[in-house]
Amino acid sequence: MARTQVDKWLGVRLYQARIEEGVLISTLTDMLGISEEAYLDVEAGIRRLSAFEIARLARALNRPIPWFFDQSPADISFPLNRSFPTED
């Protein structure tokens, strides 16, 4: 499945919210029942989420769902080789 600007933007916003809230990746992966690799694919815009998964993440990250989509993805530039911190 091809990545879209929306997929990438959602990943950026999830990363931003997770860091701001200080939520561990393991907390989110346990909640969603997915691997850390699968979650990092979400933040990288590679793996798409269902509406149910977005709603659960929004609740866990203390954000309303519209917050994840509050800017036009077309106006955002994305780093091509983004590295993600992992938990120790």
Protein backbone atom coordinates (compact mmCIF):
# COMPACT_ATOMS: atom_id res chain seq x y z
CA MET A 1 0.00 0.00 0.00
CA ALA A 2 1.43 3.35 -0.98
CA ARG A 3 2.09 5.89 1.71
CA THR A 4 0.05 9.05 1.48
CA GLN A 5 0.69 12.49 2.91
CA VAL A 6 -2.10 11.84 5.42
CA ASP A 7 -0.43 8.60 6.58
CA LYS A 8 2.84 10.46 7.04
CA TRP A 9 1.19 13.40 8.79
CA LEU A 10 -0.69 11.12 11.19
CA GLY A 11 2.60 9.43 12.03
CA VAL A 12 4.24 12.78 12.74
CA ARG A 13 1.38 13.83 14.99
CA LEU A 14 1.39 10.50 16.86
CA TYR A 15 5.12 10.84 17.46
CA GLN A 16 4.68 14.43 18.64
CA ALA A 17 1.84 13.54 21.03
CA ARG A 18 3.69 10.50 22.40
CA ILE A 19 6.80 12.53 23.16
CA GLU A 20 4.86 15.46 24.65
CA GLU A 21 2.84 13.15 26.90
CA GLY A 22 5.84 11.02 27.84
CA VAL A 23 4.04 7.83 26.87
CA LEU A 24 6.21 4.77 26.25
CA ILE A 25 5.92 2.91 22.97
CA SER A 26 5.31 -0.28 24.96
CA THR A 27 2.23 1.28 26.56
CA LEU A 28 0.73 1.97 23.15
CA THR A 29 1.73 -1.35 21.62
CA ASP A 30 0.26 -3.28 24.55
CA MET A 31 -2.98 -1.31 24.24
CA LEU A 32 -3.24 -1.93 20.48
CA GLY A 33 -1.93 -5.49 20.58
CA ILE A 34 0.78 -4.83 17.98
CA SER A 35 4.56 -5.12 17.95
CA GLU A 36 6.91 -2.20 18.51
CA GLU A 37 8.02 -2.54 14.89
CA ALA A 38 4.41 -2.26 13.69
CA TYR A 39 3.88 0.84 15.83
CA LEU A 40 7.07 2.46 14.53
CA ASP A 41 5.76 1.77 11.02
CA VAL A 42 2.67 3.77 12.00
CA GLU A 43 4.80 6.71 13.14
CA ALA A 44 6.80 6.43 9.92
CA GLY A 45 3.58 6.58 7.89
CA ILE A 46 4.05 3.06 6.52
CA ARG A 47 1.27 1.22 8.38
CA ARG A 48 -2.26 2.54 8.29
CA LEU A 49 -4.51 2.59 11.32
CA SER A 50 -8.17 1.76 11.59
CA ALA A 51 -10.59 4.35 12.92
CA PHE A 52 -10.84 2.29 16.11
CA GLU A 53 -7.05 2.33 16.56
CA ILE A 54 -6.91 6.09 16.00
CA ALA A 55 -9.63 6.59 18.62
CA ARG A 56 -7.77 4.43 21.16
CA LEU A 57 -4.49 6.25 20.53
CA ALA A 58 -6.18 9.63 20.81
CA ARG A 59 -7.54 8.66 24.22
CA ALA A 60 -4.20 7.25 25.39
CA LEU A 61 -2.37 10.39 24.22
CA ASN A 62 -4.93 12.82 25.69
CA ARG A 63 -5.76 14.36 22.33
CA PRO A 64 -9.07 14.85 20.52
CA ILE A 65 -9.13 12.96 17.22
CA PRO A 66 -9.25 16.17 15.10
CA TRP A 67 -5.91 17.27 16.64
CA PHE A 68 -4.17 14.59 14.58
CA PHE A 69 -5.50 16.11 11.36
CA ASP A 70 -5.53 19.83 12.18
CA GLN A 71 -3.17 20.91 9.40
CA SER A 72 -3.15 20.18 5.72
CA PRO A 73 -0.68 17.35 5.07
CA ALA A 74 0.09 18.94 1.70
CA ASP A 75 1.66 21.88 3.55
CA ILE A 76 4.00 19.69 5.57
CA SER A 77 7.47 18.60 4.55
CA PHE A 78 8.59 15.24 5.89
CA PRO A 79 12.12 14.05 6.52
CA LEU A 80 12.91 11.11 4.27
CA ASN A 81 15.17 9.26 6.70
CA ARG A 82 13.57 9.86 10.04
CA SER A 83 14.91 7.82 12.90
CA PHE A 84 12.75 7.02 15.87
CA PRO A 85 13.98 6.66 19.41
CA THR A 86 13.35 3.27 20.94
CA GLU A 87 12.91 2.36 24.55
CA ASP A 88 15.80 0.92 26.51
